[in-house]
């Protein structure tokens, strides 16, 4: 049991190291965070949890960190709200019930809402099906 706890703690600490990077895709969530400032520039992946110790929360952060380049390539920023006591604008707008991930497109459309961790490959597929992303891929070719 101590071994598993040590691994989870190490994984959590590693996510914090990535989050402090200068060109990190993570954004700080405050009570007044407004994701509409990212509209037309970035897709926003919001990760909600009632605690940073939630295993689903830790699993999702590990999945994000394992394939962070795939998200960066798709102009995704990640907002983490693991403090229900903060009563952030995100939490009052989207009203999560415990753990939840929410993907919001560049146009502000809610494209995905899941109550469990989702693999970044699946999130990438969802993004790649969006009309704006298809347009971006055509322009890149």
N, C-alpha and C. Protein backbone atom coordinates (compact mmCIF):
# COMPACT_ATOMS: atom_id res chain seq x y z
N UNK A 1 0.82 -1.19 0.00
CA UNK A 1 0.00 0.00 0.00
C UNK A 1 0.87 1.26 0.00
N UNK A 2 1.96 1.24 0.81
CA UNK A 2 2.85 2.40 0.85
C UNK A 2 3.50 2.62 -0.50
N UNK A 3 3.80 1.54 -1.22
CA UNK A 3 4.43 1.63 -2.54
C UNK A 3 3.49 2.34 -3.52
N UNK A 4 2.22 1.97 -3.53
CA UNK A 4 1.24 2.60 -4.42
C UNK A 4 1.08 4.07 -4.06
N UNK A 5 1.01 4.37 -2.79
CA UNK A 5 0.89 5.76 -2.35
C UNK A 5 2.10 6.57 -2.80
N UNK A 6 3.28 5.98 -2.71
CA UNK A 6 4.50 6.66 -3.14
C UNK A 6 4.47 6.96 -4.64
N UNK A 7 4.00 5.99 -5.42
CA UNK A 7 3.91 6.18 -6.87
C UNK A 7 2.91 7.29 -7.19
N UNK A 8 1.76 7.27 -6.54
CA UNK A 8 0.76 8.32 -6.79
C UNK A 8 1.28 9.69 -6.39
N UNK A 9 1.98 9.77 -5.28
CA UNK A 9 2.54 11.04 -4.85
C UNK A 9 3.58 11.53 -5.85
N UNK A 10 4.41 10.64 -6.34
CA UNK A 10 5.43 11.02 -7.33
C UNK A 10 4.77 11.49 -8.62
N UNK A 11 3.72 10.80 -9.05
CA UNK A 11 3.02 11.22 -10.27
C UNK A 11 2.38 12.58 -10.08
N UNK A 12 1.80 12.82 -8.91
CA UNK A 12 1.17 14.11 -8.64
C UNK A 12 2.21 15.22 -8.63
N UNK A 13 3.35 14.97 -8.00
CA UNK A 13 4.42 15.98 -7.98
C UNK A 13 4.92 16.26 -9.38
N UNK A 14 5.00 15.23 -10.21
CA UNK A 14 5.45 15.42 -11.60
C UNK A 14 4.48 16.31 -12.36
N UNK A 15 3.17 16.18 -12.07
CA UNK A 15 2.21 17.03 -12.76
C UNK A 15 2.39 18.47 -12.35
N UNK A 16 2.77 18.72 -11.13
CA UNK A 16 2.98 20.09 -10.67
C UNK A 16 4.23 20.69 -11.31
N UNK A 17 5.24 19.86 -11.57
CA UNK A 17 6.44 20.35 -12.24
C UNK A 17 6.09 20.79 -13.65
N UNK A 18 5.31 19.99 -14.37
CA UNK A 18 4.89 20.36 -15.72
C UNK A 18 4.06 21.63 -15.68
N UNK A 19 3.19 21.74 -14.68
CA UNK A 19 2.30 22.89 -14.60
C UNK A 19 3.06 24.18 -14.36
N UNK A 20 4.27 24.11 -13.82
CA UNK A 20 5.01 25.33 -13.56
C UNK A 20 5.92 25.72 -14.72
N UNK A 21 5.96 24.93 -15.78
CA UNK A 21 6.75 25.23 -16.96
C UNK A 21 6.34 26.56 -17.58
N UNK A 22 7.30 27.23 -18.22
CA UNK A 22 7.00 28.53 -18.83
C UNK A 22 6.02 28.39 -19.99
N UNK A 23 6.17 27.37 -20.81
CA UNK A 23 5.24 27.22 -21.94
C UNK A 23 4.23 26.11 -21.66
N UNK A 24 3.77 26.07 -20.45
CA UNK A 24 2.80 25.08 -20.01
C UNK A 24 1.44 25.34 -20.63
N UNK A 25 0.68 24.27 -20.79
CA UNK A 25 -0.68 24.43 -21.29
C UNK A 25 -1.67 24.59 -20.13
N UNK A 26 -1.19 24.51 -18.90
CA UNK A 26 -2.05 24.61 -17.73
C UNK A 26 -2.31 26.08 -17.41
N UNK A 27 -3.55 26.38 -17.07
CA UNK A 27 -3.89 27.74 -16.65
C UNK A 27 -4.33 27.70 -15.19
N UNK A 28 -4.01 28.76 -14.47
CA UNK A 28 -4.40 28.86 -13.07
C UNK A 28 -5.87 29.23 -12.96
N UNK A 29 -6.59 28.48 -12.17
CA UNK A 29 -8.00 28.76 -11.94
C UNK A 29 -8.14 29.54 -10.65
N UNK A 30 -8.81 30.67 -10.74
CA UNK A 30 -9.11 31.51 -9.59
C UNK A 30 -10.62 31.64 -9.51
N UNK A 31 -11.15 32.23 -8.45
CA UNK A 31 -12.60 32.39 -8.38
C UNK A 31 -13.19 33.15 -9.56
N UNK A 32 -12.41 34.01 -10.19
CA UNK A 32 -12.94 34.82 -11.29
C UNK A 32 -12.47 34.37 -12.67
N UNK A 33 -11.84 33.19 -12.78
CA UNK A 33 -11.36 32.72 -14.08
C UNK A 33 -12.50 32.65 -15.08
N UNK A 34 -12.28 33.31 -16.22
CA UNK A 34 -13.28 33.35 -17.29
C UNK A 34 -12.66 32.73 -18.54
N UNK A 35 -13.15 31.57 -18.94
CA UNK A 35 -12.55 30.90 -20.08
C UNK A 35 -12.96 31.53 -21.41
N UNK A 36 -13.88 32.47 -21.38
CA UNK A 36 -14.25 33.13 -22.64
C UNK A 36 -13.07 33.93 -23.20
N UNK A 37 -12.07 34.23 -22.38
CA UNK A 37 -10.88 34.93 -22.89
C UNK A 37 -10.08 34.04 -23.84
N UNK A 38 -10.31 32.73 -23.81
CA UNK A 38 -9.62 31.79 -24.70
C UNK A 38 -10.41 31.52 -25.98
N UNK A 39 -11.63 32.05 -26.06
CA UNK A 39 -12.49 31.80 -27.20
C UNK A 39 -11.80 32.25 -28.49
N UNK A 40 -11.90 31.41 -29.52
CA UNK A 40 -11.34 31.61 -30.85
C UNK A 40 -9.82 31.49 -30.89
N UNK A 41 -9.19 31.22 -29.73
CA UNK A 41 -7.74 31.05 -29.71
C UNK A 41 -7.34 29.65 -29.26
N UNK A 42 -8.03 29.14 -28.23
CA UNK A 42 -7.69 27.84 -27.66
C UNK A 42 -8.95 27.04 -27.37
N UNK A 43 -8.76 25.73 -27.37
CA UNK A 43 -9.77 24.83 -26.83
C UNK A 43 -9.42 24.68 -25.35
N UNK A 44 -10.43 24.52 -24.51
CA UNK A 44 -10.19 24.45 -23.08
C UNK A 44 -10.66 23.09 -22.57
N UNK A 45 -9.75 22.39 -21.90
CA UNK A 45 -10.09 21.14 -21.22
C UNK A 45 -10.12 21.46 -19.73
N UNK A 46 -11.31 21.38 -19.14
CA UNK A 46 -11.46 21.68 -17.72
C UNK A 46 -11.54 20.36 -16.97
N UNK A 47 -10.71 20.23 -15.94
CA UNK A 47 -10.70 19.03 -15.10
C UNK A 47 -11.19 19.45 -13.72
N UNK A 48 -12.34 18.92 -13.34
CA UNK A 48 -12.92 19.20 -12.03
C UNK A 48 -12.72 18.01 -11.11
N UNK A 49 -12.53 18.28 -9.84
CA UNK A 49 -12.50 17.24 -8.81
C UNK A 49 -12.81 17.91 -7.48
N UNK A 50 -13.27 17.13 -6.53
CA UNK A 50 -13.53 17.67 -5.20
C UNK A 50 -12.28 17.68 -4.33
N UNK A 51 -11.22 17.01 -4.81
CA UNK A 51 -9.96 16.96 -4.07
C UNK A 51 -8.84 16.57 -5.03
N UNK A 52 -7.65 17.08 -4.77
CA UNK A 52 -6.50 16.67 -5.58
C UNK A 52 -6.12 15.22 -5.30
N UNK A 53 -6.65 14.65 -4.24
CA UNK A 53 -6.36 13.26 -3.90
C UNK A 53 -7.31 12.28 -4.57
N UNK A 54 -8.30 12.77 -5.29
CA UNK A 54 -9.24 11.90 -6.01
C UNK A 54 -8.45 11.07 -7.03
N UNK A 55 -8.54 9.74 -6.97
CA UNK A 55 -7.78 8.90 -7.90
C UNK A 55 -8.10 9.18 -9.37
N UNK A 56 -9.36 9.52 -9.66
CA UNK A 56 -9.72 9.84 -11.05
C UNK A 56 -9.01 11.12 -11.50
N UNK A 57 -8.92 12.09 -10.60
CA UNK A 57 -8.22 13.33 -10.89
C UNK A 57 -6.74 13.05 -11.18
N UNK A 58 -6.11 12.25 -10.34
CA UNK A 58 -4.71 11.92 -10.53
C UNK A 58 -4.48 11.13 -11.82
N UNK A 59 -5.40 10.21 -12.11
CA UNK A 59 -5.30 9.45 -13.37
C UNK A 59 -5.40 10.38 -14.57
N UNK A 60 -6.33 11.33 -14.53
CA UNK A 60 -6.50 12.25 -15.66
C UNK A 60 -5.26 13.12 -15.86
N UNK A 61 -4.68 13.61 -14.78
CA UNK A 61 -3.46 14.42 -14.89
C UNK A 61 -2.31 13.60 -15.46
N UNK A 62 -2.22 12.34 -15.07
CA UNK A 62 -1.17 11.47 -15.61
C UNK A 62 -1.38 11.26 -17.10
N UNK A 63 -2.63 11.07 -17.52
CA UNK A 63 -2.92 10.91 -18.95
C UNK A 63 -2.57 12.18 -19.72
N UNK A 64 -2.89 13.33 -19.15
CA UNK A 64 -2.58 14.61 -19.80
C UNK A 64 -1.07 14.77 -19.95
N UNK A 65 -0.34 14.54 -18.88
CA UNK A 65 1.11 14.71 -18.91
C UNK A 65 1.80 13.72 -19.83
N UNK A 66 1.23 12.53 -20.01
CA UNK A 66 1.83 11.52 -20.87
C UNK A 66 1.76 11.92 -22.34
N UNK A 67 0.74 12.70 -22.71
CA UNK A 67 0.56 13.08 -24.12
C UNK A 67 0.30 14.57 -24.27
N UNK A 68 1.04 15.35 -23.54
CA UNK A 68 0.83 16.80 -23.52
C UNK A 68 1.06 17.43 -24.89
N UNK A 69 1.96 16.85 -25.69
CA UNK A 69 2.24 17.41 -27.01
C UNK A 69 1.03 17.31 -27.95
N UNK A 70 0.25 16.24 -27.81
CA UNK A 70 -0.95 16.09 -28.63
C UNK A 70 -1.95 17.20 -28.32
N UNK A 71 -2.04 17.59 -27.05
CA UNK A 71 -2.94 18.69 -26.67
C UNK A 71 -2.38 20.02 -27.14
N UNK A 72 -1.09 20.20 -26.99
CA UNK A 72 -0.45 21.45 -27.41
C UNK A 72 -0.64 21.65 -28.92
N UNK A 73 -0.52 20.57 -29.69
CA UNK A 73 -0.69 20.61 -31.15
C UNK A 73 -2.10 21.05 -31.53
N UNK A 74 -3.06 20.76 -30.68
CA UNK A 74 -4.47 21.08 -30.96
C UNK A 74 -4.93 22.36 -30.25
N UNK A 75 -3.98 23.15 -29.80
CA UNK A 75 -4.27 24.44 -29.14
C UNK A 75 -5.15 24.28 -27.91
N UNK A 76 -4.86 23.28 -27.09
CA UNK A 76 -5.64 23.02 -25.88
C UNK A 76 -4.93 23.60 -24.68
N UNK A 77 -5.68 24.29 -23.84
CA UNK A 77 -5.19 24.69 -22.53
C UNK A 77 -6.01 23.91 -21.50
N UNK A 78 -5.40 23.62 -20.37
CA UNK A 78 -6.04 22.79 -19.34
C UNK A 78 -6.27 23.63 -18.09
N UNK A 79 -7.52 23.71 -17.67
CA UNK A 79 -7.88 24.41 -16.44
C UNK A 79 -8.22 23.35 -15.40
N UNK A 80 -7.57 23.44 -14.25
CA UNK A 80 -7.79 22.45 -13.19
C UNK A 80 -8.48 23.12 -12.02
N UNK A 81 -9.63 22.58 -11.65
CA UNK A 81 -10.39 23.10 -10.51
C UNK A 81 -10.65 21.94 -9.55
N UNK A 82 -9.78 21.81 -8.57
CA UNK A 82 -9.90 20.72 -7.60
C UNK A 82 -10.20 21.23 -6.20
N UNK A 83 -10.77 22.43 -6.13
CA UNK A 83 -11.08 23.03 -4.83
C UNK A 83 -12.50 23.58 -4.83
N UNK A 84 -13.49 22.76 -4.43
CA UNK A 84 -14.88 23.23 -4.44
C UNK A 84 -15.11 24.41 -3.50
N UNK A 85 -14.29 24.55 -2.48
CA UNK A 85 -14.46 25.66 -1.53
C UNK A 85 -14.15 27.01 -2.18
N UNK A 86 -13.37 27.01 -3.26
CA UNK A 86 -13.01 28.25 -3.93
C UNK A 86 -14.23 28.86 -4.65
N UNK A 87 -15.19 28.03 -5.00
CA UNK A 87 -16.41 28.48 -5.69
C UNK A 87 -16.06 29.31 -6.94
N UNK A 88 -15.27 28.69 -7.81
CA UNK A 88 -14.84 29.38 -9.03
C UNK A 88 -16.03 29.59 -9.96
N UNK A 89 -15.85 30.53 -10.86
CA UNK A 89 -16.87 30.82 -11.87
C UNK A 89 -17.10 29.58 -12.74
N UNK A 90 -16.04 28.83 -13.01
CA UNK A 90 -16.17 27.59 -13.79
C UNK A 90 -17.08 26.60 -13.09
N UNK A 91 -16.87 26.44 -11.79
CA UNK A 91 -17.65 25.48 -11.01
C UNK A 91 -19.13 25.88 -10.93
N UNK A 92 -19.40 27.17 -10.78
CA UNK A 92 -20.80 27.60 -10.70
C UNK A 92 -21.47 27.55 -12.07
N UNK A 93 -20.69 27.71 -13.15
CA UNK A 93 -21.27 27.66 -14.49
C UNK A 93 -21.58 26.23 -14.92
N UNK A 94 -20.62 25.31 -14.71
CA UNK A 94 -20.77 23.95 -15.24
C UNK A 94 -21.26 22.93 -14.23
N UNK A 95 -21.30 23.29 -12.95
CA UNK A 95 -21.89 22.49 -11.89
C UNK A 95 -21.47 21.01 -11.91
N UNK A 96 -20.18 20.75 -11.74
CA UNK A 96 -19.74 19.35 -11.73
C UNK A 96 -20.20 18.65 -10.45
N UNK A 97 -20.38 17.36 -10.57
CA UNK A 97 -20.74 16.55 -9.41
C UNK A 97 -19.56 15.63 -9.14
N UNK A 98 -18.59 16.11 -8.38
CA UNK A 98 -17.37 15.34 -8.15
C UNK A 98 -16.42 15.51 -9.31
N UNK A 99 -15.83 14.39 -9.76
CA UNK A 99 -14.88 14.45 -10.87
C UNK A 99 -15.64 14.63 -12.19
N UNK A 100 -15.06 15.46 -13.06
CA UNK A 100 -15.63 15.65 -14.40
C UNK A 100 -14.58 16.30 -15.29
N UNK A 101 -14.56 15.88 -16.56
CA UNK A 101 -13.77 16.63 -17.54
C UNK A 101 -14.74 17.25 -18.52
N UNK A 102 -14.36 18.41 -19.01
CA UNK A 102 -15.21 19.17 -19.92
C UNK A 102 -14.32 19.74 -21.00
N UNK A 103 -14.64 19.47 -22.26
CA UNK A 103 -13.89 20.02 -23.39
C UNK A 103 -14.74 21.08 -24.06
N UNK A 104 -14.17 22.25 -24.19
CA UNK A 104 -14.87 23.37 -24.81
C UNK A 104 -14.10 23.77 -26.06
N UNK A 105 -14.80 23.84 -27.18
CA UNK A 105 -14.17 24.18 -28.44
C UNK A 105 -13.79 25.65 -28.51
N UNK A 106 -13.06 26.00 -29.56
CA UNK A 106 -12.63 27.39 -29.74
C UNK A 106 -13.82 28.33 -29.87
N UNK A 107 -14.93 27.80 -30.36
CA UNK A 107 -16.13 28.62 -30.53
C UNK A 107 -16.99 28.71 -29.27
N UNK A 108 -16.53 28.09 -28.18
CA UNK A 108 -17.26 28.13 -26.91
C UNK A 108 -18.26 27.00 -26.74
N UNK A 109 -18.37 26.13 -27.74
CA UNK A 109 -19.29 24.99 -27.71
C UNK A 109 -18.76 23.90 -26.79
N UNK A 110 -19.60 23.37 -25.92
CA UNK A 110 -19.21 22.26 -25.05
C UNK A 110 -19.23 20.97 -25.88
N UNK A 111 -18.05 20.46 -26.18
CA UNK A 111 -17.93 19.32 -27.08
C UNK A 111 -17.93 17.98 -26.36
N UNK A 112 -17.54 17.97 -25.10
CA UNK A 112 -17.39 16.70 -24.40
C UNK A 112 -17.55 16.93 -22.91
N UNK A 113 -18.26 16.03 -22.26
CA UNK A 113 -18.44 16.08 -20.81
C UNK A 113 -18.44 14.65 -20.31
N UNK A 114 -17.45 14.29 -19.50
CA UNK A 114 -17.32 12.92 -19.02
C UNK A 114 -17.12 12.90 -17.52
N UNK A 115 -17.75 11.94 -16.82
CA UNK A 115 -17.59 11.84 -15.36
C UNK A 115 -16.45 10.91 -14.94
N UNK A 116 -15.57 10.58 -15.87
CA UNK A 116 -14.46 9.68 -15.59
C UNK A 116 -13.26 10.09 -16.45
N UNK A 117 -12.05 9.67 -16.08
CA UNK A 117 -10.87 10.04 -16.87
C UNK A 117 -10.99 9.51 -18.30
N UNK A 118 -10.50 10.31 -19.22
CA UNK A 118 -10.54 9.93 -20.63
C UNK A 118 -9.16 10.02 -21.22
N UNK A 119 -8.79 9.05 -22.01
CA UNK A 119 -7.49 9.01 -22.66
C UNK A 119 -7.34 10.20 -23.62
N UNK A 120 -6.15 10.73 -23.71
CA UNK A 120 -5.89 11.89 -24.56
C UNK A 120 -6.09 11.54 -26.03
N UNK A 121 -5.84 10.32 -26.39
CA UNK A 121 -6.09 9.89 -27.77
C UNK A 121 -7.58 10.05 -28.12
N UNK A 122 -8.45 9.70 -27.20
CA UNK A 122 -9.89 9.85 -27.43
C UNK A 122 -10.29 11.33 -27.46
N UNK A 123 -9.70 12.11 -26.57
CA UNK A 123 -9.98 13.54 -26.56
C UNK A 123 -9.49 14.15 -27.88
N UNK A 124 -8.33 13.73 -28.35
CA UNK A 124 -7.78 14.22 -29.62
C UNK A 124 -8.70 13.86 -30.78
N UNK A 125 -9.23 12.65 -30.77
CA UNK A 125 -10.17 12.24 -31.83
C UNK A 125 -11.42 13.12 -31.82
N UNK A 126 -11.91 13.43 -30.64
CA UNK A 126 -13.08 14.31 -30.53
C UNK A 126 -12.75 15.68 -31.11
N UNK A 127 -11.58 16.20 -30.77
CA UNK A 127 -11.16 17.51 -31.29
C UNK A 127 -11.01 17.45 -32.81
N UNK A 128 -10.39 16.37 -33.32
CA UNK A 128 -10.14 16.26 -34.75
C UNK A 128 -11.41 16.16 -35.58
N UNK A 129 -12.52 15.82 -34.95
CA UNK A 129 -13.80 15.76 -35.65
C UNK A 129 -14.50 17.12 -35.71
N UNK A 130 -14.00 18.08 -34.94
CA UNK A 130 -14.61 19.41 -34.91
C UNK A 130 -14.34 20.13 -36.24
N UNK A 131 -15.35 20.83 -36.78
CA UNK A 131 -15.17 21.52 -38.06
C UNK A 131 -13.99 22.51 -38.06
N UNK A 132 -13.79 23.23 -36.99
CA UNK A 132 -12.70 24.20 -36.95
C UNK A 132 -11.35 23.49 -36.99
N UNK A 133 -11.23 22.37 -36.31
CA UNK A 133 -9.98 21.61 -36.32
C UNK A 133 -9.73 21.03 -37.70
N UNK A 134 -10.77 20.55 -38.37
CA UNK A 134 -10.61 20.02 -39.72
C UNK A 134 -10.12 21.10 -40.67
N UNK A 135 -10.63 22.30 -40.49
CA UNK A 135 -10.18 23.44 -41.28
C UNK A 135 -8.71 23.73 -41.00
N UNK A 136 -8.31 23.69 -39.74
CA UNK A 136 -6.92 23.92 -39.36
C UNK A 136 -6.00 22.88 -40.00
N UNK A 137 -6.44 21.62 -40.00
CA UNK A 137 -5.61 20.56 -40.57
C UNK A 137 -5.48 20.73 -42.09
N UNK A 138 -6.56 21.16 -42.76
CA UNK A 138 -6.48 21.42 -44.20
C UNK A 138 -5.51 22.57 -44.49
N UNK A 139 -5.54 23.60 -43.67
CA UNK A 139 -4.64 24.74 -43.88
C UNK A 139 -3.19 24.35 -43.64
N UNK A 140 -2.95 23.45 -42.68
CA UNK A 140 -1.59 23.00 -42.39
C UNK A 140 -1.01 22.18 -43.53
N UNK A 141 -1.89 21.48 -44.26
CA UNK A 141 -1.41 20.66 -45.39
C UNK A 141 -1.23 21.57 -46.55
